[in-house]
Every structure is written in C-alpha cells, then in structure tokens.
Amino acid sequence: MSDFQVNPAPQNDAPGAMLGRVIVSFVLFVAGLAGIGIGAVADPSIAPYVFTGGILAIGLAFGLPMIGASER
C-alpha cells in the first residue's frame, strides 16, 4: 500500500515572544506611516530620507513576523 506520513507541525514560539514581535511590528508600522507623512511635508533637503525611512519601516513591520515562518 502507501507509506503516507504527515510532517509534524513546527513548534511555535513562546507566547511572550510572539506578543513582543506583534507589538514591535505595530510600532514600526505606525512609525513608518508617520515617517511617510512627515517626509511629504518636511524640509526638501531631508524629505527623501524621511520618506524612504518610512517605507523601509513599513516593509520591516510586515517582514518581522515572517522570521522563522515555514510553509505548511
């Protein structure tokens, strides 16, 4: 017949670590939105850097929860 086996589910992080990662991601997301908004109206000499920093912060906020993730 068939030797079908199911892979065991990966172990989850501790609840405190998961909660900390969610909080840090939320703070990075909100700070990124603020950075984009400030970069849109800031002094033209620093506006591109603040705007780009906001975009990078939002990208990191979405990428941070993916650390250690695996496809099921």
PDB file of N, CA and C in Angstrom:
ATOM      1  N   MET A   1       0.830  -1.169   0.000  1.00  0.00           N
ATOM      2  CA  MET A   1       0.000   0.000   0.000  1.00  0.00           C
ATOM      3  C   MET A   1       0.885   1.246   0.000  1.00  0.00           C
ATOM      4  N   SER A   2       0.419   2.252   0.688  1.00  0.00           N
ATOM      5  CA  SER A   2       1.105   3.533   0.690  1.00  0.00           C
ATOM      6  C   SER A   2       1.701   3.800   2.069  1.00  0.00           C
ATOM      7  N   ASP A   3       2.864   4.406   2.093  1.00  0.00           N
ATOM      8  CA  ASP A   3       3.501   4.796   3.362  1.00  0.00           C
ATOM      9  C   ASP A   3       3.353   6.304   3.539  1.00  0.00           C
ATOM     10  N   PHE A   4       2.130   6.743   3.616  1.00  0.00           N
ATOM     11  CA  PHE A   4       1.844   8.167   3.737  1.00  0.00           C
ATOM     12  C   PHE A   4       2.148   8.629   5.156  1.00  0.00           C
ATOM     13  N   GLN A   5       2.954   9.700   5.277  1.00  0.00           N
ATOM     14  CA  GLN A   5       3.295  10.254   6.583  1.00  0.00           C
ATOM     15  C   GLN A   5       3.042  11.757   6.570  1.00  0.00           C
ATOM     16  N   VAL A   6       2.568  12.245   7.681  1.00  0.00           N
ATOM     17  CA  VAL A   6       2.320  13.682   7.825  1.00  0.00           C
ATOM     18  C   VAL A   6       3.496  14.285   8.576  1.00  0.00           C
ATOM     19  N   ASN A   7       4.024  15.382   8.037  1.00  0.00           N
ATOM     20  CA  ASN A   7       5.120  16.070   8.720  1.00  0.00           C
ATOM     21  C   ASN A   7       4.603  16.695  10.003  1.00  0.00           C
ATOM     22  N   PRO A   8       5.363  16.623  11.087  1.00  0.00           N
ATOM     23  CA  PRO A   8       4.912  17.254  12.335  1.00  0.00           C
ATOM     24  C   PRO A   8       4.888  18.769  12.194  1.00  0.00           C
ATOM     25  N   ALA A   9       3.938  19.391  12.860  1.00  0.00           N
ATOM     26  CA  ALA A   9       3.830  20.849  12.835  1.00  0.00           C
ATOM     27  C   ALA A   9       5.024  21.456  13.563  1.00  0.00           C
ATOM     28  N   PRO A  10       5.581  22.542  13.031  1.00  0.00           N
ATOM     29  CA  PRO A  10       6.711  23.178  13.725  1.00  0.00           C
ATOM     30  C   PRO A  10       6.271  23.757  15.067  1.00  0.00           C
ATOM     31  N   GLN A  11       7.187  23.775  15.998  1.00  0.00           N
ATOM     32  CA  GLN A  11       6.891  24.318  17.321  1.00  0.00           C
ATOM     33  C   GLN A  11       6.764  25.834  17.233  1.00  0.00           C
ATOM     34  N   ASN A  12       5.758  26.350  17.888  1.00  0.00           N
ATOM     35  CA  ASN A  12       5.554  27.800  17.913  1.00  0.00           C
ATOM     36  C   ASN A  12       6.463  28.447  18.949  1.00  0.00           C
ATOM     37  N   ASP A  13       6.678  29.743  18.778  1.00  0.00           N
ATOM     38  CA  ASP A  13       7.452  30.499  19.753  1.00  0.00           C
ATOM     39  C   ASP A  13       6.665  30.616  21.055  1.00  0.00           C
ATOM     40  N   ALA A  14       7.355  31.046  22.078  1.00  0.00           N
ATOM     41  CA  ALA A  14       6.692  31.302  23.347  1.00  0.00           C
ATOM     42  C   ALA A  14       5.689  32.443  23.162  1.00  0.00           C
ATOM     43  N   PRO A  15       4.574  32.423  23.887  1.00  0.00           N
ATOM     44  CA  PRO A  15       3.572  33.484  23.709  1.00  0.00           C
ATOM     45  C   PRO A  15       4.123  34.889  23.948  1.00  0.00           C
ATOM     46  N   GLY A  16       5.045  35.040  24.887  1.00  0.00           N
ATOM     47  CA  GLY A  16       5.626  36.355  25.147  1.00  0.00           C
ATOM     48  C   GLY A  16       6.437  36.857  23.975  1.00  0.00           C
ATOM     49  N   ALA A  17       7.191  35.970  23.328  1.00  0.00           N
ATOM     50  CA  ALA A  17       7.993  36.373  22.170  1.00  0.00           C
ATOM     51  C   ALA A  17       7.089  36.753  21.007  1.00  0.00           C
ATOM     52  N   MET A  18       6.017  36.006  20.817  1.00  0.00           N
ATOM     53  CA  MET A  18       5.092  36.302  19.735  1.00  0.00           C
ATOM     54  C   MET A  18       4.389  37.642  19.978  1.00  0.00           C
ATOM     55  N   LEU A  19       3.977  37.879  21.199  1.00  0.00           N
ATOM     56  CA  LEU A  19       3.321  39.148  21.534  1.00  0.00           C
ATOM     57  C   LEU A  19       4.287  40.319  21.356  1.00  0.00           C
ATOM     58  N   GLY A  20       5.528  40.145  21.777  1.00  0.00           N
ATOM     59  CA  GLY A  20       6.535  41.195  21.603  1.00  0.00           C
ATOM     60  C   GLY A  20       6.772  41.509  20.143  1.00  0.00           C
ATOM     61  N   ARG A  21       6.808  40.478  19.306  1.00  0.00           N
ATOM     62  CA  ARG A  21       7.019  40.683  17.879  1.00  0.00           C
ATOM     63  C   ARG A  21       5.837  41.433  17.254  1.00  0.00           C
ATOM     64  N   VAL A  22       4.629  41.126  17.697  1.00  0.00           N
ATOM     65  CA  VAL A  22       3.438  41.816  17.185  1.00  0.00           C
ATOM     66  C   VAL A  22       3.460  43.287  17.590  1.00  0.00           C
ATOM     67  N   ILE A  23       3.819  43.560  18.838  1.00  0.00           N
ATOM     68  CA  ILE A  23       3.859  44.944  19.315  1.00  0.00           C
ATOM     69  C   ILE A  23       4.929  45.739  18.573  1.00  0.00           C
ATOM     70  N   VAL A  24       6.107  45.149  18.405  1.00  0.00           N
ATOM     71  CA  VAL A  24       7.183  45.838  17.684  1.00  0.00           C
ATOM     72  C   VAL A  24       6.772  46.082  16.229  1.00  0.00           C
ATOM     73  N   SER A  25       6.112  45.116  15.615  1.00  0.00           N
ATOM     74  CA  SER A  25       5.656  45.292  14.235  1.00  0.00           C
ATOM     75  C   SER A  25       4.635  46.410  14.127  1.00  0.00           C
ATOM     76  N   PHE A  26       3.720  46.484  15.085  1.00  0.00           N
ATOM     77  CA  PHE A  26       2.711  47.553  15.072  1.00  0.00           C
ATOM     78  C   PHE A  26       3.362  48.915  15.232  1.00  0.00           C
ATOM     79  N   VAL A  27       4.317  49.016  16.146  1.00  0.00           N
ATOM     80  CA  VAL A  27       5.011  50.294  16.367  1.00  0.00           C
ATOM     81  C   VAL A  27       5.787  50.694  15.107  1.00  0.00           C
ATOM     82  N   LEU A  28       6.465  49.736  14.466  1.00  0.00           N
ATOM     83  CA  LEU A  28       7.187  50.038  13.232  1.00  0.00           C
ATOM     84  C   LEU A  28       6.237  50.494  12.126  1.00  0.00           C
ATOM     85  N   PHE A  29       5.076  49.860  12.043  1.00  0.00           N
ATOM     86  CA  PHE A  29       4.103  50.245  11.014  1.00  0.00           C
ATOM     87  C   PHE A  29       3.607  51.668  11.230  1.00  0.00           C
ATOM     88  N   VAL A  30       3.234  51.982  12.457  1.00  0.00           N
ATOM     89  CA  VAL A  30       2.727  53.330  12.752  1.00  0.00           C
ATOM     90  C   VAL A  30       3.841  54.369  12.558  1.00  0.00           C
ATOM     91  N   ALA A  31       5.057  54.040  12.996  1.00  0.00           N
ATOM     92  CA  ALA A  31       6.172  54.969  12.801  1.00  0.00           C
ATOM     93  C   ALA A  31       6.473  55.153  11.314  1.00  0.00           C
ATOM     94  N   GLY A  32       6.322  54.095  10.525  1.00  0.00           N
ATOM     95  CA  GLY A  32       6.524  54.215   9.086  1.00  0.00           C
ATOM     96  C   GLY A  32       5.489  55.112   8.434  1.00  0.00           C
ATOM     97  N   LEU A  33       4.234  54.983   8.855  1.00  0.00           N
ATOM     98  CA  LEU A  33       3.201  55.878   8.329  1.00  0.00           C
ATOM     99  C   LEU A  33       3.486  57.327   8.704  1.00  0.00           C
ATOM    100  N   ALA A  34       3.933  57.521   9.943  1.00  0.00           N
ATOM    101  CA  ALA A  34       4.282  58.880  10.372  1.00  0.00           C
ATOM    102  C   ALA A  34       5.478  59.395   9.562  1.00  0.00           C
ATOM    103  N   GLY A  35       6.452  58.537   9.303  1.00  0.00           N
ATOM    104  CA  GLY A  35       7.611  58.941   8.519  1.00  0.00           C
ATOM    105  C   GLY A  35       7.240  59.340   7.100  1.00  0.00           C
ATOM    106  N   ILE A  36       6.326  58.602   6.502  1.00  0.00           N
ATOM    107  CA  ILE A  36       5.875  58.951   5.153  1.00  0.00           C
ATOM    108  C   ILE A  36       5.154  60.301   5.175  1.00  0.00           C
ATOM    109  N   GLY A  37       4.306  60.487   6.173  1.00  0.00           N
ATOM    110  CA  GLY A  37       3.577  61.752   6.271  1.00  0.00           C
ATOM    111  C   GLY A  37       4.491  62.929   6.538  1.00  0.00           C
ATOM    112  N   ILE A  38       5.448  62.746   7.427  1.00  0.00           N
ATOM    113  CA  ILE A  38       6.392  63.828   7.731  1.00  0.00           C
ATOM    114  C   ILE A  38       7.290  64.092   6.531  1.00  0.00           C
ATOM    115  N   GLY A  39       7.693  63.036   5.838  1.00  0.00           N
ATOM    116  CA  GLY A  39       8.538  63.200   4.665  1.00  0.00           C
ATOM    117  C   GLY A  39       7.845  63.933   3.531  1.00  0.00           C
ATOM    118  N   ALA A  40       6.521  63.858   3.496  1.00  0.00           N
ATOM    119  CA  ALA A  40       5.786  64.546   2.434  1.00  0.00           C
ATOM    120  C   ALA A  40       5.743  66.048   2.645  1.00  0.00           C
ATOM    121  N   VAL A  41       5.876  66.514   3.891  1.00  0.00           N
ATOM    122  CA  VAL A  41       5.773  67.946   4.165  1.00  0.00           C
ATOM    123  C   VAL A  41       7.045  68.523   4.791  1.00  0.00           C
ATOM    124  N   ALA A  42       8.089  67.721   4.924  1.00  0.00           N
ATOM    125  CA  ALA A  42       9.314  68.165   5.601  1.00  0.00           C
ATOM    126  C   ALA A  42      10.151  69.061   4.690  1.00  0.00           C
ATOM    127  N   ASP A  43      11.216  69.567   5.277  1.00  0.00           N
ATOM    128  CA  ASP A  43      12.193  70.372   4.556  1.00  0.00           C
ATOM    129  C   ASP A  43      12.702  69.570   3.350  1.00  0.00           C
ATOM    130  N   PRO A  44      12.745  70.160   2.161  1.00  0.00           N
ATOM    131  CA  PRO A  44      13.144  69.405   0.965  1.00  0.00           C
ATOM    132  C   PRO A  44      14.521  68.748   1.043  1.00  0.00           C
ATOM    133  N   SER A  45      15.392  69.217   1.918  1.00  0.00           N
ATOM    134  CA  SER A  45      16.718  68.606   1.992  1.00  0.00           C
ATOM    135  C   SER A  45      16.698  67.260   2.714  1.00  0.00           C
ATOM    136  N   ILE A  46      15.745  67.043   3.616  1.00  0.00           N
ATOM    137  CA  ILE A  46      15.688  65.765   4.342  1.00  0.00           C
ATOM    138  C   ILE A  46      14.463  64.939   3.980  1.00  0.00           C
ATOM    139  N   ALA A  47      13.534  65.481   3.202  1.00  0.00           N
ATOM    140  CA  ALA A  47      12.284  64.789   2.886  1.00  0.00           C
ATOM    141  C   ALA A  47      12.493  63.420   2.230  1.00  0.00           C
ATOM    142  N   PRO A  48      13.386  63.273   1.258  1.00  0.00           N
ATOM    143  CA  PRO A  48      13.528  61.948   0.639  1.00  0.00           C
ATOM    144  C   PRO A  48      14.016  60.883   1.619  1.00  0.00           C
ATOM    145  N   TYR A  49      14.869  61.286   2.554  1.00  0.00           N
ATOM    146  CA  TYR A  49      15.404  60.324   3.514  1.00  0.00           C
ATOM    147  C   TYR A  49      14.348  59.895   4.529  1.00  0.00           C
ATOM    148  N   VAL A  50      13.550  60.832   4.992  1.00  0.00           N
ATOM    149  CA  VAL A  50      12.488  60.513   5.947  1.00  0.00           C
ATOM    150  C   VAL A  50      11.420  59.663   5.265  1.00  0.00           C
ATOM    151  N   PHE A  51      11.057  60.011   4.040  1.00  0.00           N
ATOM    152  CA  PHE A  51      10.056  59.252   3.292  1.00  0.00           C
ATOM    153  C   PHE A  51      10.537  57.827   3.041  1.00  0.00           C
ATOM    154  N   THR A  52      11.790  57.675   2.618  1.00  0.00           N
ATOM    155  CA  THR A  52      12.351  56.347   2.367  1.00  0.00           C
ATOM    156  C   THR A  52      12.456  55.547   3.662  1.00  0.00           C
ATOM    157  N   GLY A  53      12.813  56.202   4.745  1.00  0.00           N
ATOM    158  CA  GLY A  53      12.850  55.527   6.044  1.00  0.00           C
ATOM    159  C   GLY A  53      11.475  55.034   6.459  1.00  0.00           C
ATOM    160  N   GLY A  54      10.438  55.793   6.158  1.00  0.00           N
ATOM    161  CA  GLY A  54       9.076  55.360   6.455  1.00  0.00           C
ATOM    162  C   GLY A  54       8.688  54.128   5.663  1.00  0.00           C
ATOM    163  N   ILE A  55       9.041  54.107   4.401  1.00  0.00           N
ATOM    164  CA  ILE A  55       8.739  52.935   3.566  1.00  0.00           C
ATOM    165  C   ILE A  55       9.506  51.713   4.070  1.00  0.00           C
ATOM    166  N   LEU A  56      10.761  51.888   4.436  1.00  0.00           N
ATOM    167  CA  LEU A  56      11.547  50.770   4.961  1.00  0.00           C
ATOM    168  C   LEU A  56      10.996  50.261   6.294  1.00  0.00           C
ATOM    169  N   ALA A  57      10.530  51.164   7.140  1.00  0.00           N
ATOM    170  CA  ALA A  57       9.952  50.755   8.424  1.00  0.00           C
ATOM    171  C   ALA A  57       8.684  49.941   8.219  1.00  0.00           C
ATOM    172  N   ILE A  58       7.852  50.342   7.262  1.00  0.00           N
ATOM    173  CA  ILE A  58       6.636  49.573   6.983  1.00  0.00           C
ATOM    174  C   ILE A  58       6.995  48.201   6.406  1.00  0.00           C
ATOM    175  N   GLY A  59       7.976  48.159   5.531  1.00  0.00           N
ATOM    176  CA  GLY A  59       8.417  46.865   4.995  1.00  0.00           C
ATOM    177  C   GLY A  59       8.945  45.952   6.075  1.00  0.00           C
ATOM    178  N   LEU A  60       9.693  46.498   7.008  1.00  0.00           N
ATOM    179  CA  LEU A  60      10.208  45.706   8.126  1.00  0.00           C
ATOM    180  C   LEU A  60       9.074  45.251   9.037  1.00  0.00           C
ATOM    181  N   ALA A  61       8.057  46.095   9.198  1.00  0.00           N
ATOM    182  CA  ALA A  61       6.913  45.724  10.032  1.00  0.00           C
ATOM    183  C   ALA A  61       6.180  44.523   9.448  1.00  0.00           C
ATOM    184  N   PHE A  62       6.117  44.416   8.127  1.00  0.00           N
ATOM    185  CA  PHE A  62       5.478  43.258   7.515  1.00  0.00           C
ATOM    186  C   PHE A  62       6.413  42.054   7.478  1.00  0.00           C
ATOM    187  N   GLY A  63       7.708  42.273   7.404  1.00  0.00           N
ATOM    188  CA  GLY A  63       8.656  41.170   7.318  1.00  0.00           C
ATOM    189  C   GLY A  63       9.017  40.562   8.663  1.00  0.00           C
ATOM    190  N   LEU A  64       8.963  41.340   9.711  1.00  0.00           N
ATOM    191  CA  LEU A  64       9.361  40.855  11.036  1.00  0.00           C
ATOM    192  C   LEU A  64       8.565  39.640  11.499  1.00  0.00           C
ATOM    193  N   PRO A  65       7.252  39.590  11.319  1.00  0.00           N
ATOM    194  CA  PRO A  65       6.518  38.392  11.753  1.00  0.00           C
ATOM    195  C   PRO A  65       6.853  37.144  10.951  1.00  0.00           C
ATOM    196  N   MET A  66       7.486  37.314   9.791  1.00  0.00           N
ATOM    197  CA  MET A  66       7.808  36.166   8.948  1.00  0.00           C
ATOM    198  C   MET A  66       9.084  35.448   9.380  1.00  0.00           C
ATOM    199  N   ILE A  67       9.815  36.020  10.312  1.00  0.00           N
ATOM    200  CA  ILE A  67      11.055  35.378  10.770  1.00  0.00           C
ATOM    201  C   ILE A  67      10.716  34.035  11.412  1.00  0.00           C
ATOM    202  N   GLY A  68      11.318  33.006  10.917  1.00  0.00           N
ATOM    203  CA  GLY A  68      11.073  31.677  11.465  1.00  0.00           C
ATOM    204  C   GLY A  68       9.821  31.012  10.941  1.00  0.00           C
ATOM    205  N   ALA A  69       9.112  31.650  10.007  1.00  0.00           N
ATOM    206  CA  ALA A  69       7.900  31.047   9.464  1.00  0.00           C
ATOM    207  C   ALA A  69       8.272  29.934   8.485  1.00  0.00           C
ATOM    208  N   SER A  70       7.391  28.996   8.352  1.00  0.00           N
ATOM    209  CA  SER A  70       7.611  27.918   7.394  1.00  0.00           C
ATOM    210  C   SER A  70       6.312  27.620   6.665  1.00  0.00           C
ATOM    211  N   GLU A  71       6.458  27.088   5.482  1.00  0.00           N
ATOM    212  CA  GLU A  71       5.279  26.758   4.693  1.00  0.00           C
ATOM    213  C   GLU A  71       4.687  25.461   5.207  1.00  0.00           C
ATOM    214  N   ARG A  72       3.394  25.438   5.306  1.00  0.00           N
ATOM    215  CA  ARG A  72       2.738  24.204   5.777  1.00  0.00           C
ATOM    216  C   ARG A  72       2.139  23.473   4.641  1.00  0.00           C
TER     217      ARG A  72
END
